């Protein structure tokens, strides 16, 4: 993740004056003040099916939560503690459209009063299409699997394949797995079983592909995904004064399969 640090000239000037004054009094050089260290965890979720964009983040300064920073992603201002947001005590932004985050790079800017101004680049993946390739009739007999094909999404580093019963989307349930195969992958038969049994869990399933850039925070984005992410990826921000992870997800439109039990004749 690219990063640009902006120093505050006034602080540098005051520091120089303090050092010069101290040297003039024969007290020796003044030790520079300790540098604050910051952490950020966050995610941008773009859901084509819902036509909804959601951004959320947490920020820490010297291991303590920071609630007074200014945080923007592109032109979107993330507000801390919005009581209408489903997650408490986070910086957040929601819009009923994807137009605020067109495909490509967006500046994530973190400002902490006069102490820090940091800018990172966040990439929003492009929209793309997905379809069930196999079974062609979209009927899974017994313990079969589903093969998905999709068009490539610009700005993507990895993909997630996901499925969940159609009446359980956005509930924290379902199956998901990371895929590095490019524009095709398979959801295994295990994803369509009754948990803990070898028996098919019959019914209609929604299938999705997520285009993922960076390392979105799973705790902050899972409530806004049809199916949770498989796991949290590693930190992708590592600077002396700012560490953590941030990423973006584009959720494809759903396609469906139906799981049925094969009847012997």
Protein backbone atom coordinates (compact mmCIF):
# COMPACT_ATOMS: atom_id res chain seq x y z
CA UNK A 1 0.00 0.00 0.00
CA UNK A 2 1.48 3.33 -1.05
CA UNK A 3 1.80 5.92 1.68
CA UNK A 4 2.65 9.60 1.80
CA UNK A 5 3.50 11.31 5.07
CA UNK A 6 2.89 15.04 5.42
CA UNK A 7 4.87 16.81 8.09
CA UNK A 8 3.44 19.83 9.86
CA UNK A 9 5.83 22.78 9.24
CA UNK A 10 4.81 24.58 12.41
CA UNK A 11 5.90 21.66 14.56
CA UNK A 12 9.27 21.51 12.84
CA UNK A 13 9.80 25.26 13.38
CA UNK A 14 8.93 25.09 17.06
CA UNK A 15 11.26 22.13 17.49
CA UNK A 16 14.13 24.01 15.83
CA UNK A 17 13.60 27.06 18.05
CA UNK A 18 13.62 24.88 21.16
CA UNK A 19 16.89 23.23 20.21
CA UNK A 20 18.59 26.55 19.36
CA UNK A 21 17.45 28.11 22.63
CA UNK A 22 18.71 25.18 24.63
CA UNK A 23 22.10 25.19 22.97
CA UNK A 24 22.42 28.93 23.67
CA UNK A 25 21.98 28.27 27.37
CA UNK A 26 24.75 25.63 27.37
CA UNK A 27 22.32 22.92 28.45
CA UNK A 28 23.19 20.56 25.59
CA UNK A 29 20.83 19.29 22.87
CA UNK A 30 17.20 18.55 23.69
CA UNK A 31 15.97 15.00 23.04
CA UNK A 32 13.19 15.02 20.40
CA UNK A 33 9.72 14.13 21.68
CA UNK A 34 8.58 10.55 21.31
CA UNK A 35 6.67 9.88 18.10
CA UNK A 36 3.08 8.72 18.46
CA UNK A 37 2.33 5.39 16.84
CA UNK A 38 -0.99 4.74 15.11
CA UNK A 39 -2.95 1.70 14.02
CA UNK A 40 -5.84 1.43 11.59
CA UNK A 41 -8.11 -1.47 10.68
CA UNK A 42 -10.80 -0.99 8.10
CA UNK A 43 -12.72 -2.06 5.03
CA UNK A 44 -14.70 -0.74 2.10
CA UNK A 45 -17.54 -3.00 0.94
CA UNK A 46 -19.18 -2.40 -2.44
CA UNK A 47 -22.23 -4.61 -2.92
CA UNK A 48 -23.56 -4.59 -6.47
CA UNK A 49 -26.69 -6.55 -5.57
CA UNK A 50 -27.73 -4.07 -2.91
CA UNK A 51 -26.28 -1.02 -4.69
CA UNK A 52 -24.70 -0.13 -1.37
CA UNK A 53 -21.26 1.16 -0.33
CA UNK A 54 -20.10 0.79 3.26
CA UNK A 55 -16.82 1.91 4.81
CA UNK A 56 -15.78 1.26 8.41
CA UNK A 57 -12.57 1.65 10.39
CA UNK A 58 -11.07 1.76 13.85
CA UNK A 59 -8.05 3.88 14.75
CA UNK A 60 -5.65 3.65 17.68
CA UNK A 61 -2.97 5.99 18.98
CA UNK A 62 -0.31 4.56 21.28
CA UNK A 63 -2.46 1.46 21.89
CA UNK A 64 -5.53 3.49 22.91
CA UNK A 65 -8.67 4.00 20.81
CA UNK A 66 -8.69 7.32 18.97
CA UNK A 67 -12.14 8.84 18.52
CA UNK A 68 -11.31 12.38 17.42
CA UNK A 69 -9.42 11.85 14.16
CA UNK A 70 -10.59 13.02 10.75
CA UNK A 71 -10.81 10.12 8.29
CA UNK A 72 -11.79 10.23 4.63
CA UNK A 73 -11.78 7.75 1.76
CA UNK A 74 -11.92 9.64 -1.50
CA UNK A 75 -14.62 12.27 -0.99
CA UNK A 76 -16.42 10.24 1.69
CA UNK A 77 -16.06 11.45 5.29
CA UNK A 78 -16.18 8.66 7.87
CA UNK A 79 -17.98 9.75 11.05
CA UNK A 80 -17.16 8.29 14.45
CA UNK A 81 -19.91 6.77 16.57
CA UNK A 82 -22.86 7.08 14.17
CA UNK A 83 -25.71 5.67 16.28
CA UNK A 84 -27.49 4.38 13.15
CA UNK A 85 -24.50 2.27 12.09
CA UNK A 86 -24.76 -1.43 13.05
CA UNK A 87 -21.29 -1.52 14.68
CA UNK A 88 -20.58 0.63 17.74
CA UNK A 89 -17.60 2.93 18.25
CA UNK A 90 -16.20 2.92 14.72
CA UNK A 91 -15.65 5.44 11.94
CA UNK A 92 -18.26 4.73 9.28
CA UNK A 93 -19.87 5.81 6.03
CA UNK A 94 -22.80 4.37 4.06
CA UNK A 95 -24.35 5.24 0.72
CA UNK A 96 -27.17 3.68 -1.32
CA UNK A 97 -25.05 3.79 -4.45
CA UNK A 98 -21.63 2.67 -5.70
CA UNK A 99 -20.95 5.95 -7.48
CA UNK A 100 -18.94 7.41 -4.57
CA UNK A 101 -16.24 4.78 -5.13
CA UNK A 102 -15.61 4.21 -8.85
CA UNK A 103 -13.06 1.58 -9.79
CA UNK A 104 -9.50 2.71 -9.17
CA UNK A 105 -7.44 4.45 -6.51
CA UNK A 106 -8.85 6.59 -3.71
CA UNK A 107 -6.94 8.53 -1.08
CA UNK A 108 -7.48 7.39 2.49
CA UNK A 109 -6.47 10.40 4.60
CA UNK A 110 -6.00 10.21 8.37
CA UNK A 111 -5.60 13.47 10.30
CA UNK A 112 -5.03 13.61 14.06
CA UNK A 113 -5.18 17.30 14.96
CA UNK A 114 -1.70 18.79 14.50
CA UNK A 115 0.06 15.51 15.30
CA UNK A 116 -0.31 13.50 12.13
CA UNK A 117 -1.46 13.71 8.54
CA UNK A 118 -1.10 10.42 6.63
CA UNK A 119 -2.37 9.46 3.21
CA UNK A 120 -2.73 5.92 1.86
CA UNK A 121 -4.00 4.68 -1.48
CA UNK A 122 -7.00 2.35 -1.44
CA UNK A 123 -8.08 0.57 -4.64
CA UNK A 124 -11.77 -0.09 -5.28
CA UNK A 125 -12.22 -3.18 -7.51
CA UNK A 126 -14.33 -2.79 -10.63
CA UNK A 127 -17.76 -4.34 -11.11
CA UNK A 128 -17.81 -7.74 -12.83
CA UNK A 129 -20.18 -10.56 -13.71
CA UNK A 130 -20.41 -14.14 -12.45
CA UNK A 131 -22.40 -17.18 -13.57
CA UNK A 132 -22.90 -20.81 -12.58
CA UNK A 133 -21.09 -22.82 -15.25
CA UNK A 134 -21.83 -26.30 -13.83
CA UNK A 135 -24.22 -27.89 -13.32
CA UNK A 136 -25.69 -26.27 -16.43
CA UNK A 137 -29.25 -26.76 -15.20
CA UNK A 138 -28.28 -25.33 -11.75
CA UNK A 139 -29.58 -28.46 -10.01
CA UNK A 140 -27.14 -30.19 -7.64
CA UNK A 141 -28.05 -33.80 -7.03
CA UNK A 142 -27.07 -35.11 -3.62
CA UNK A 143 -23.52 -34.11 -2.72
CA UNK A 144 -22.43 -32.49 -5.99
CA UNK A 145 -20.51 -29.24 -6.33
CA UNK A 146 -20.92 -25.98 -8.25
CA UNK A 147 -18.45 -24.47 -10.73
CA UNK A 148 -18.46 -20.68 -11.07
CA UNK A 149 -17.06 -18.55 -13.90
CA UNK A 150 -16.59 -14.80 -13.72
CA UNK A 151 -15.11 -11.93 -15.65
CA UNK A 152 -11.94 -10.42 -14.21
CA UNK A 153 -12.34 -7.33 -12.04
CA UNK A 154 -9.70 -4.61 -12.40
CA UNK A 155 -7.99 -3.66 -9.17
CA UNK A 156 -8.33 -7.14 -7.65
CA UNK A 157 -5.67 -9.10 -5.79
CA UNK A 158 -7.69 -12.19 -4.88
CA UNK A 159 -11.21 -13.58 -5.10
CA UNK A 160 -13.59 -15.24 -2.65
CA UNK A 161 -16.17 -17.86 -3.64
CA UNK A 162 -19.20 -17.97 -1.36
CA UNK A 163 -22.56 -19.68 -1.04
CA UNK A 164 -25.39 -19.64 1.47
CA UNK A 165 -29.03 -20.66 1.58
CA UNK A 166 -31.06 -17.94 -0.10
CA UNK A 167 -33.02 -17.15 3.07
CA UNK A 168 -29.86 -16.88 5.20
CA UNK A 169 -27.89 -14.21 3.34
CA UNK A 170 -26.29 -11.48 5.46
CA UNK A 171 -26.86 -13.55 8.61
CA UNK A 172 -23.25 -14.61 9.27
CA UNK A 173 -23.86 -18.11 7.90
CA UNK A 174 -22.64 -19.87 4.77
CA UNK A 175 -19.47 -21.17 3.14
CA UNK A 176 -16.62 -19.15 1.66
CA UNK A 177 -13.09 -19.79 0.43
CA UNK A 178 -10.28 -17.76 -1.12
CA UNK A 179 -9.50 -18.44 -4.78
CA UNK A 180 -6.36 -17.53 -6.71
CA UNK A 181 -7.37 -19.20 -9.96
CA UNK A 182 -8.31 -16.03 -11.81
CA UNK A 183 -11.75 -16.30 -13.41
CA UNK A 184 -13.09 -19.70 -12.38
CA UNK A 185 -13.43 -21.91 -9.34
CA UNK A 186 -15.47 -24.62 -7.63
CA UNK A 187 -17.59 -24.60 -4.50
CA UNK A 188 -17.22 -28.13 -3.09
CA UNK A 189 -20.09 -30.42 -2.20
CA UNK A 190 -19.31 -30.00 1.50
CA UNK A 191 -20.71 -26.47 1.28
CA UNK A 192 -24.18 -27.90 0.59
CA UNK A 193 -24.34 -30.43 3.44
CA UNK A 194 -26.20 -30.33 6.73
CA UNK A 195 -23.41 -29.30 9.17
CA UNK A 196 -21.78 -32.30 10.83
CA UNK A 197 -23.48 -34.81 8.54
CA UNK A 198 -22.90 -36.35 5.09
CA UNK A 199 -26.45 -35.45 4.07
CA UNK A 200 -27.32 -32.72 1.55
CA UNK A 201 -29.05 -29.65 2.96
CA UNK A 202 -31.68 -29.28 0.27
CA UNK A 203 -33.01 -25.96 -0.95
CA UNK A 204 -32.12 -22.87 -2.96
CA UNK A 205 -28.63 -21.38 -2.55
CA UNK A 206 -27.22 -18.01 -3.55
CA UNK A 207 -23.67 -18.09 -4.93
CA UNK A 208 -21.33 -15.10 -5.03
CA UNK A 209 -17.82 -14.09 -5.94
CA UNK A 210 -16.04 -11.26 -4.09
CA UNK A 211 -13.26 -9.31 -5.78
CA UNK A 212 -10.83 -8.32 -3.03
CA UNK A 213 -8.06 -5.74 -2.88
CA UNK A 214 -5.75 -5.38 0.11
CA UNK A 215 -6.63 -6.79 3.52
CA UNK A 216 -10.15 -5.80 4.57
CA UNK A 217 -10.90 -6.12 8.26
CA UNK A 218 -13.19 -9.14 8.60
CA UNK A 219 -14.88 -8.00 11.82
CA UNK A 220 -15.86 -4.70 10.20
CA UNK A 221 -16.94 -5.99 6.80
CA UNK A 222 -18.59 -9.34 7.60
CA UNK A 223 -21.88 -7.76 8.78
CA UNK A 224 -22.24 -6.24 5.30
CA UNK A 225 -21.37 -9.34 3.26
CA UNK A 226 -23.82 -12.04 2.14
CA UNK A 227 -21.38 -14.61 3.59
CA UNK A 228 -18.48 -13.84 5.98
CA UNK A 229 -14.91 -13.86 4.71
CA UNK A 230 -13.06 -17.17 5.15
CA UNK A 231 -10.36 -15.61 7.38
CA UNK A 232 -8.58 -12.37 8.18
CA UNK A 233 -5.64 -11.68 5.87
CA UNK A 234 -2.31 -10.27 7.07
CA UNK A 235 -1.58 -6.61 7.76
CA UNK A 236 -0.76 -4.61 4.65
CA UNK A 237 0.21 -1.32 6.31
CA UNK A 238 3.62 -1.30 7.94
CA UNK A 239 5.25 2.07 8.56
CA UNK A 240 7.17 3.38 11.60
CA UNK A 241 4.20 5.50 12.70
CA UNK A 242 1.24 3.67 11.17
CA UNK A 243 0.44 -0.06 11.01
CA UNK A 244 -2.60 -2.22 10.42
CA UNK A 245 -4.71 -3.33 7.48
CA UNK A 246 -7.30 -1.96 5.10
CA UNK A 247 -8.94 -3.38 2.01
CA UNK A 248 -11.86 -3.19 -0.38
CA UNK A 249 -14.39 -5.76 -1.61
CA UNK A 250 -16.70 -5.77 -4.62
CA UNK A 251 -19.56 -8.28 -4.25
CA UNK A 252 -20.92 -9.74 -7.49
CA UNK A 253 -24.57 -10.16 -8.28
CA UNK A 254 -25.81 -13.54 -7.05
CA UNK A 255 -26.51 -16.61 -9.15
CA UNK A 256 -28.40 -19.60 -7.75
CA UNK A 257 -28.33 -23.38 -7.53
CA UNK A 258 -30.85 -25.74 -6.02
CA UNK A 259 -29.76 -28.79 -4.00
CA UNK A 260 -32.08 -31.79 -4.24
CA UNK A 261 -31.98 -35.41 -3.13
CA UNK A 262 -31.69 -37.86 -5.98
CA UNK A 263 -34.65 -40.21 -5.96
CA UNK A 264 -34.02 -43.87 -6.89
CA UNK A 265 -36.41 -45.39 -9.41
